[in-house]
Every structure is written in structure tokens, then in C-alpha cells.
Amino acid sequence: MIKSRVAKRYARALFEFALDNNQLESAAADLDLLDAALRDSPEFRRLIDSPVISNQAKQAAFSALFKDRLQADTFKFVSFLIAKNREAVLPDIVAEFRDLLDEHRGILRGEVSSVMPLSELQLHNLKERLNRLTGKNVLITQHTDPNLLGGLVVRIRDTVYDASLRNKLEKLRQSLVQS
């Protein structure tokens, strides 16, 4: 998902407001609730994404669904987005807010792909190594990919550590072709 500049600006504004007012945790919880609603409710997603539904109708539906479920400042923020016709960037705002919150907490999120699931000990050792390498607390999500043949691939933001057998075989093939 490519986050727009608009989403980044709105997320930064909400993040700084929440930080200044000691509301980071509640704002994050509210955005998680909105994100879950966008993900799990196709009707709510269509309402938010629709350019033909008026702002008044969107505001009324949003108010009916979330007035009592969100803290007042988060509710006002999303109402403001609706009033400014920016509600369609809400998923990107949520993602950018999470990135800002992770950065504030010193957390990096990464993915590890391997042919078979890693053991708890392997995951722990990998996490420790990545923590030392990055200087941050790395949270790892694990995926399996039988195409790797062996080894693993770690992705953290834009950085990829490829220690897969497939990659090593490809490098060997290239060196043999060049010789």
C-alpha cells in the first residue's frame, strides 16, 4: 500500500496531537477499531470509498456507528476527514500512524520467509541478531515459501537480507556464466 503525502500529513498531525495530550494508546486503539471495521465490513468500506454518497450521509452513518465507541478527539478527527472529502485515505492514515507509533516506541516490523516454519529458538535467535543489527526492537512475522528451497529471507522496511538457497544458487549460476 503506497501511502500518500496527504495521509502522511494527517497521520503526523493526529500522532503529534495524541502525543502532546497523552492519548497515543487510545488513539491507536481507536484507529485499530476503524481499521478492523474497514477490513471486516464491506458495507462500511463502500460507504467510505463512495464518491456519490454525500458527506452528510457519510457523517450521519459514521456518527451512528462510532460516536460512542471512539474517544472524542479521534471521532472529531475522522469527522474532519469526512468534511474535507479525505475519508478515502483513512486506511493509509491508519498505516502511517502505526509506523509513527512504532518509530516512537523503537520498534521495527519485519517478515521472515522460510521453506518450513522456524522453531521458537530459531525465531528468538534471529530476533536477537536483528535487534543488534538495527539497534531497535524487531517484531517478526513468519511466512513459509517453498520456492526458497532452503535458508530464509528477511525483509525489514526496504531492506532485504536474502540467505536463501535459491539466491545462493542464482549467484553461483551467474558466476559460472560470467567465467
Protein backbone atom coordinates (compact mmCIF):
# COMPACT_ATOMS: atom_id res chain seq x y z
CA MET A 1 0.00 0.00 0.00
CA ILE A 2 1.54 3.30 -1.08
CA LYS A 3 0.83 5.99 1.45
CA SER A 4 0.05 9.38 0.01
CA ARG A 5 1.57 12.61 1.19
CA VAL A 6 -1.86 13.67 2.36
CA ALA A 7 -2.20 10.55 4.52
CA LYS A 8 1.26 11.13 5.98
CA ARG A 9 0.42 14.73 6.89
CA TYR A 10 -2.87 13.81 8.54
CA ALA A 11 -1.30 10.87 10.39
CA ARG A 12 1.54 13.06 11.64
CA ALA A 13 -0.94 15.71 12.83
CA LEU A 14 -3.01 13.12 14.71
CA PHE A 15 0.11 11.48 16.13
CA GLU A 16 1.57 14.76 17.40
CA PHE A 17 -1.77 15.80 18.88
CA ALA A 18 -2.17 12.44 20.63
CA LEU A 19 1.43 12.55 21.88
CA ASP A 20 1.03 16.08 23.25
CA ASN A 21 -2.20 15.11 25.01
CA ASN A 22 -1.09 11.71 26.37
CA GLN A 23 -3.60 9.94 24.13
CA LEU A 24 -1.30 7.78 21.99
CA GLU A 25 -2.65 4.47 23.26
CA SER A 26 -6.30 5.45 22.99
CA ALA A 27 -5.80 6.99 19.53
CA ALA A 28 -4.01 3.81 18.39
CA ALA A 29 -6.85 1.67 19.78
CA ASP A 30 -9.42 3.86 18.01
CA LEU A 31 -7.58 3.58 14.71
CA ASP A 32 -7.31 -0.19 15.16
CA LEU A 33 -11.09 -0.29 15.62
CA LEU A 34 -11.63 1.78 12.46
CA ASP A 35 -9.15 -0.34 10.53
CA ALA A 36 -10.94 -3.52 11.60
CA ALA A 37 -14.27 -2.03 10.52
CA LEU A 38 -12.83 -1.09 7.13
CA ARG A 39 -11.33 -4.55 6.71
CA ASP A 40 -14.23 -6.62 8.04
CA SER A 41 -17.23 -4.66 6.82
CA PRO A 42 -17.56 -4.33 3.04
CA GLU A 43 -20.58 -2.06 3.57
CA PHE A 44 -18.60 0.38 5.71
CA ARG A 45 -15.71 0.29 3.22
CA ARG A 46 -18.09 1.05 0.32
CA LEU A 47 -19.60 3.92 2.32
CA ILE A 48 -16.17 5.45 2.95
CA ASP A 49 -14.91 4.91 -0.61
CA SER A 50 -18.05 6.06 -2.44
CA PRO A 51 -17.78 9.43 -4.19
CA VAL A 52 -21.56 9.56 -4.78
CA ILE A 53 -22.63 9.39 -1.14
CA SER A 54 -22.87 12.86 0.35
CA ASN A 55 -20.66 13.99 3.21
CA GLN A 56 -23.78 14.49 5.33
CA ALA A 57 -24.87 10.87 4.80
CA LYS A 58 -21.34 9.60 5.50
CA GLN A 59 -21.14 11.75 8.61
CA ALA A 60 -24.51 10.51 9.86
CA ALA A 61 -23.56 6.87 9.29
CA PHE A 62 -20.14 7.35 10.86
CA SER A 63 -21.69 9.07 13.87
CA ALA A 64 -24.26 6.31 14.33
CA LEU A 65 -21.57 3.62 14.17
CA PHE A 66 -18.74 5.21 16.15
CA LYS A 67 -19.90 8.17 18.27
CA ASP A 68 -19.91 6.10 21.47
CA ARG A 69 -17.02 3.79 20.51
CA LEU A 70 -14.22 6.30 19.83
CA GLN A 71 -12.65 8.87 22.08
CA ALA A 72 -13.90 12.38 21.31
CA ASP A 73 -10.70 13.64 19.65
CA THR A 74 -10.40 10.67 17.30
CA PHE A 75 -14.08 11.00 16.43
CA LYS A 76 -13.58 14.70 15.63
CA PHE A 77 -10.52 13.87 13.54
CA VAL A 78 -12.39 11.37 11.35
CA SER A 79 -15.38 13.71 11.12
CA PHE A 80 -12.98 16.39 9.89
CA LEU A 81 -11.64 13.96 7.26
CA ILE A 82 -15.19 13.33 6.05
CA ALA A 83 -15.94 17.06 5.92
CA LYS A 84 -12.79 17.65 3.83
CA ASN A 85 -13.52 14.70 1.48
CA ARG A 86 -10.42 12.88 2.74
CA GLU A 87 -12.12 9.81 4.25
CA ALA A 88 -10.86 7.57 1.43
CA VAL A 89 -7.28 7.96 2.71
CA LEU A 90 -8.25 6.70 6.18
CA PRO A 91 -6.63 3.25 5.65
CA ASP A 92 -3.36 4.95 4.65
CA ILE A 93 -3.60 7.29 7.64
CA VAL A 94 -4.01 4.29 9.94
CA ALA A 95 -0.95 2.57 8.41
CA GLU A 96 1.17 5.72 8.65
CA PHE A 97 0.06 6.34 12.25
CA ARG A 98 1.14 2.79 13.12
CA ASP A 99 4.54 3.44 11.53
CA LEU A 100 4.94 6.65 13.56
CA LEU A 101 3.90 4.85 16.75
CA ASP A 102 6.36 2.02 16.08
CA GLU A 103 9.14 4.53 15.44
CA HIS A 104 8.26 6.35 18.67
CA ARG A 105 8.43 3.04 20.57
CA GLY A 106 11.69 1.96 18.89
CA ILE A 107 10.03 -0.93 17.06
CA LEU A 108 10.73 -2.23 13.57
CA ARG A 109 8.45 -4.75 11.90
CA GLY A 110 9.95 -7.42 9.72
CA GLU A 111 8.97 -10.54 7.84
CA VAL A 112 10.92 -13.76 7.60
CA SER A 113 10.21 -16.27 4.86
CA SER A 114 11.49 -19.83 5.01
CA VAL A 115 10.63 -23.19 3.48
CA MET A 116 9.43 -24.55 6.81
CA PRO A 117 8.29 -22.68 9.91
CA LEU A 118 11.18 -21.70 12.18
CA SER A 119 11.32 -23.06 15.72
CA GLU A 120 10.85 -20.78 18.69
CA LEU A 121 14.60 -20.92 19.37
CA GLN A 122 15.43 -20.04 15.76
CA LEU A 123 12.98 -17.14 15.81
CA HIS A 124 14.41 -15.92 19.12
CA ASN A 125 18.00 -16.10 17.81
CA LEU A 126 17.03 -14.33 14.58
CA LYS A 127 15.20 -11.62 16.54
CA GLU A 128 18.22 -11.08 18.80
CA ARG A 129 20.54 -10.82 15.81
CA LEU A 130 18.22 -8.35 14.04
CA ASN A 131 17.86 -6.30 17.24
CA ARG A 132 21.66 -5.96 17.44
CA LEU A 133 21.94 -5.20 13.73
CA THR A 134 19.26 -2.49 13.71
CA GLY A 135 19.55 -1.16 17.26
CA LYS A 136 15.78 -1.45 17.60
CA ASN A 137 13.25 -3.98 18.83
CA VAL A 138 12.34 -6.05 15.76
CA LEU A 139 8.95 -7.77 15.68
CA ILE A 140 8.97 -10.66 13.22
CA THR A 141 6.10 -12.09 11.22
CA GLN A 142 6.83 -15.53 9.84
CA HIS A 143 5.79 -16.87 6.41
CA THR A 144 6.57 -20.07 4.56
CA ASP A 145 7.70 -20.07 0.93
CA PRO A 146 8.56 -23.45 -0.63
CA ASN A 147 10.15 -21.66 -3.62
CA LEU A 148 13.14 -20.67 -1.47
CA LEU A 149 14.42 -24.29 -1.48
CA GLY A 150 16.18 -23.64 1.86
CA GLY A 151 17.52 -20.84 4.03
CA LEU A 152 15.50 -17.71 4.68
CA VAL A 153 14.71 -14.20 3.51
CA VAL A 154 14.21 -11.35 5.98
CA ARG A 155 12.51 -8.09 4.98
CA ILE A 156 12.60 -5.03 7.21
CA ARG A 157 11.14 -1.94 5.55
CA ASP A 158 13.11 -1.53 2.31
CA THR A 159 15.96 -3.82 3.31
CA VAL A 160 16.09 -7.49 2.31
CA TYR A 161 18.52 -9.99 3.80
CA ASP A 162 18.47 -12.93 1.40
CA ALA A 163 20.12 -16.05 2.80
CA SER A 164 18.03 -18.44 0.73
CA LEU A 165 19.41 -21.42 -1.13
CA ARG A 166 17.64 -20.18 -4.24
CA ASN A 167 19.60 -16.89 -4.07
CA LYS A 168 22.91 -18.68 -3.46
CA LEU A 169 22.29 -20.99 -6.44
CA GLU A 170 21.42 -17.99 -8.62
CA LYS A 171 24.67 -16.23 -7.61
CA LEU A 172 26.61 -19.41 -8.39
CA ARG A 173 24.90 -19.69 -11.78
CA GLN A 174 25.77 -16.05 -12.59
CA SER A 175 29.41 -16.51 -11.62
CA LEU A 176 29.65 -19.64 -13.81
CA VAL A 177 28.06 -17.85 -16.76
CA GLN A 178 30.50 -14.93 -16.42
CA SER A 179 33.56 -17.23 -16.30
